[in-house]
Amino acid sequence: MERERQGRDYAYRPIQDPHGLTALRMHGELARDSDRESALARFVAQLTPDDEQVLRRLLEEGL
């Protein structure tokens, strides 16, 4: 969270957008798993064909 002074109080807002938060959660889960390769393999195996295409494109683009 980030805070900014507004009068005598603070206004809080998230530092990450929702997509960034999802990515952080995914990284956290992978970090807790002792077998990252199996976890990633199962994740990819459960992707929809459309999501698999998006992932392939992103990997080819080097993202």
N, C-alpha and C. Protein backbone atom coordinates (compact mmCIF):
# COMPACT_ATOMS: atom_id res chain seq x y z
N MET A 1 0.84 -1.18 0.00
CA MET A 1 0.00 0.00 0.00
C MET A 1 0.89 1.24 0.00
N GLU A 2 0.38 2.24 -0.63
CA GLU A 2 1.04 3.54 -0.65
C GLU A 2 0.12 4.53 0.05
N ARG A 3 0.69 5.44 0.79
CA ARG A 3 -0.16 6.41 1.46
C ARG A 3 0.28 7.82 1.10
N GLU A 4 -0.71 8.70 1.12
CA GLU A 4 -0.47 10.10 0.80
C GLU A 4 -1.22 10.94 1.81
N ARG A 5 -0.57 11.95 2.30
CA ARG A 5 -1.18 12.81 3.31
C ARG A 5 -2.30 13.63 2.67
N GLN A 6 -3.45 13.64 3.32
CA GLN A 6 -4.59 14.46 2.90
C GLN A 6 -5.14 15.12 4.15
N GLY A 7 -4.72 16.35 4.34
CA GLY A 7 -5.13 17.06 5.56
C GLY A 7 -4.46 16.41 6.76
N ARG A 8 -5.26 16.03 7.75
CA ARG A 8 -4.71 15.38 8.94
C ARG A 8 -4.70 13.86 8.79
N ASP A 9 -5.28 13.35 7.73
CA ASP A 9 -5.38 11.90 7.51
C ASP A 9 -4.51 11.47 6.33
N TYR A 10 -4.53 10.18 6.08
CA TYR A 10 -3.82 9.60 4.94
C TYR A 10 -4.82 8.92 4.01
N ALA A 11 -4.54 9.00 2.73
CA ALA A 11 -5.30 8.25 1.74
C ALA A 11 -4.41 7.10 1.30
N TYR A 12 -4.95 5.89 1.29
CA TYR A 12 -4.19 4.70 0.92
C TYR A 12 -4.65 4.19 -0.44
N ARG A 13 -3.68 3.67 -1.19
CA ARG A 13 -4.02 3.06 -2.48
C ARG A 13 -3.02 1.94 -2.73
N PRO A 14 -3.45 0.92 -3.46
CA PRO A 14 -2.55 -0.20 -3.73
C PRO A 14 -1.40 0.24 -4.65
N ILE A 15 -0.23 -0.34 -4.42
CA ILE A 15 0.92 -0.06 -5.27
C ILE A 15 0.81 -0.86 -6.57
N GLN A 16 0.31 -2.07 -6.48
CA GLN A 16 0.14 -2.93 -7.65
C GLN A 16 -1.28 -2.84 -8.17
N ASP A 17 -1.42 -3.00 -9.48
CA ASP A 17 -2.76 -3.12 -10.04
C ASP A 17 -3.23 -4.56 -9.84
N PRO A 18 -4.49 -4.87 -10.11
CA PRO A 18 -4.99 -6.24 -9.89
C PRO A 18 -4.18 -7.31 -10.62
N HIS A 19 -3.71 -7.01 -11.83
CA HIS A 19 -2.94 -7.99 -12.59
C HIS A 19 -1.58 -8.24 -11.93
N GLY A 20 -0.99 -7.18 -11.43
CA GLY A 20 0.29 -7.32 -10.72
C GLY A 20 0.14 -8.13 -9.45
N LEU A 21 -0.97 -7.93 -8.74
CA LEU A 21 -1.22 -8.69 -7.52
C LEU A 21 -1.40 -10.18 -7.83
N THR A 22 -2.10 -10.49 -8.92
CA THR A 22 -2.26 -11.89 -9.32
C THR A 22 -0.91 -12.50 -9.63
N ALA A 23 -0.07 -11.78 -10.34
CA ALA A 23 1.27 -12.28 -10.67
C ALA A 23 2.09 -12.52 -9.40
N LEU A 24 2.00 -11.60 -8.43
CA LEU A 24 2.72 -11.79 -7.17
C LEU A 24 2.24 -13.03 -6.43
N ARG A 25 0.93 -13.27 -6.44
CA ARG A 25 0.40 -14.47 -5.78
C ARG A 25 0.91 -15.73 -6.46
N MET A 26 0.94 -15.71 -7.79
CA MET A 26 1.43 -16.88 -8.54
C MET A 26 2.90 -17.15 -8.21
N HIS A 27 3.71 -16.09 -8.17
CA HIS A 27 5.12 -16.25 -7.81
C HIS A 27 5.27 -16.79 -6.39
N GLY A 28 4.43 -16.31 -5.49
CA GLY A 28 4.48 -16.77 -4.11
C GLY A 28 4.17 -18.26 -4.00
N GLU A 29 3.17 -18.71 -4.72
CA GLU A 29 2.83 -20.13 -4.70
C GLU A 29 3.96 -20.97 -5.27
N LEU A 30 4.57 -20.53 -6.36
CA LEU A 30 5.69 -21.27 -6.93
C LEU A 30 6.87 -21.31 -5.96
N ALA A 31 7.10 -20.24 -5.25
CA ALA A 31 8.21 -20.19 -4.31
C ALA A 31 8.02 -21.17 -3.16
N ARG A 32 6.78 -21.44 -2.79
CA ARG A 32 6.50 -22.37 -1.69
C ARG A 32 6.56 -23.83 -2.12
N ASP A 33 6.51 -24.10 -3.42
CA ASP A 33 6.49 -25.48 -3.91
C ASP A 33 7.92 -25.97 -4.13
N SER A 34 8.21 -27.14 -3.62
CA SER A 34 9.57 -27.68 -3.76
C SER A 34 9.84 -28.21 -5.16
N ASP A 35 8.80 -28.46 -5.94
CA ASP A 35 8.96 -28.98 -7.30
C ASP A 35 8.29 -28.01 -8.27
N ARG A 36 8.99 -26.93 -8.58
CA ARG A 36 8.44 -25.89 -9.45
C ARG A 36 8.06 -26.43 -10.82
N GLU A 37 8.88 -27.33 -11.35
CA GLU A 37 8.61 -27.87 -12.69
C GLU A 37 7.26 -28.59 -12.73
N SER A 38 6.98 -29.41 -11.73
CA SER A 38 5.68 -30.10 -11.69
C SER A 38 4.54 -29.12 -11.53
N ALA A 39 4.73 -28.13 -10.67
CA ALA A 39 3.67 -27.13 -10.47
C ALA A 39 3.39 -26.38 -11.77
N LEU A 40 4.45 -25.96 -12.46
CA LEU A 40 4.26 -25.25 -13.73
C LEU A 40 3.62 -26.16 -14.79
N ALA A 41 4.06 -27.42 -14.82
CA ALA A 41 3.50 -28.36 -15.80
C ALA A 41 2.00 -28.55 -15.57
N ARG A 42 1.61 -28.67 -14.33
CA ARG A 42 0.17 -28.84 -14.04
C ARG A 42 -0.61 -27.57 -14.35
N PHE A 43 -0.01 -26.43 -14.07
CA PHE A 43 -0.67 -25.16 -14.40
C PHE A 43 -0.91 -25.07 -15.90
N VAL A 44 0.14 -25.34 -16.69
CA VAL A 44 0.02 -25.25 -18.15
C VAL A 44 -0.97 -26.28 -18.68
N ALA A 45 -0.97 -27.47 -18.11
CA ALA A 45 -1.88 -28.52 -18.56
C ALA A 45 -3.34 -28.13 -18.35
N GLN A 46 -3.60 -27.25 -17.41
CA GLN A 46 -4.98 -26.85 -17.12
C GLN A 46 -5.41 -25.56 -17.83
N LEU A 47 -4.52 -25.00 -18.65
CA LEU A 47 -4.88 -23.78 -19.39
C LEU A 47 -5.89 -24.10 -20.48
N THR A 48 -6.75 -23.13 -20.75
CA THR A 48 -7.63 -23.27 -21.90
C THR A 48 -6.78 -23.10 -23.17
N PRO A 49 -7.26 -23.58 -24.30
CA PRO A 49 -6.49 -23.39 -25.54
C PRO A 49 -6.19 -21.91 -25.82
N ASP A 50 -7.13 -21.03 -25.54
CA ASP A 50 -6.90 -19.60 -25.75
C ASP A 50 -5.80 -19.07 -24.84
N ASP A 51 -5.84 -19.46 -23.55
CA ASP A 51 -4.81 -19.02 -22.62
C ASP A 51 -3.44 -19.60 -23.00
N GLU A 52 -3.43 -20.82 -23.49
CA GLU A 52 -2.18 -21.43 -23.93
C GLU A 52 -1.57 -20.65 -25.09
N GLN A 53 -2.42 -20.21 -26.02
CA GLN A 53 -1.93 -19.39 -27.13
C GLN A 53 -1.34 -18.08 -26.64
N VAL A 54 -2.01 -17.45 -25.70
CA VAL A 54 -1.51 -16.19 -25.14
C VAL A 54 -0.16 -16.42 -24.47
N LEU A 55 -0.05 -17.48 -23.67
CA LEU A 55 1.21 -17.77 -22.99
C LEU A 55 2.33 -18.04 -24.00
N ARG A 56 2.04 -18.81 -25.04
CA ARG A 56 3.05 -19.08 -26.07
C ARG A 56 3.52 -17.78 -26.73
N ARG A 57 2.56 -16.91 -27.04
CA ARG A 57 2.92 -15.63 -27.69
C ARG A 57 3.80 -14.79 -26.77
N LEU A 58 3.41 -14.72 -25.50
CA LEU A 58 4.20 -13.94 -24.54
C LEU A 58 5.61 -14.48 -24.39
N LEU A 59 5.74 -15.80 -24.34
CA LEU A 59 7.07 -16.40 -24.22
C LEU A 59 7.92 -16.13 -25.46
N GLU A 60 7.29 -16.20 -26.62
CA GLU A 60 8.02 -15.93 -27.87
C GLU A 60 8.47 -14.48 -27.95
N GLU A 61 7.68 -13.59 -27.37
CA GLU A 61 8.03 -12.16 -27.38
C GLU A 61 9.09 -11.83 -26.32
N GLY A 62 9.41 -12.80 -25.49
CA GLY A 62 10.43 -12.59 -24.47
C GLY A 62 9.94 -11.86 -23.23
N LEU A 63 8.66 -11.89 -22.98
CA LEU A 63 8.11 -11.23 -21.78
C LEU A 63 8.13 -12.15 -20.60
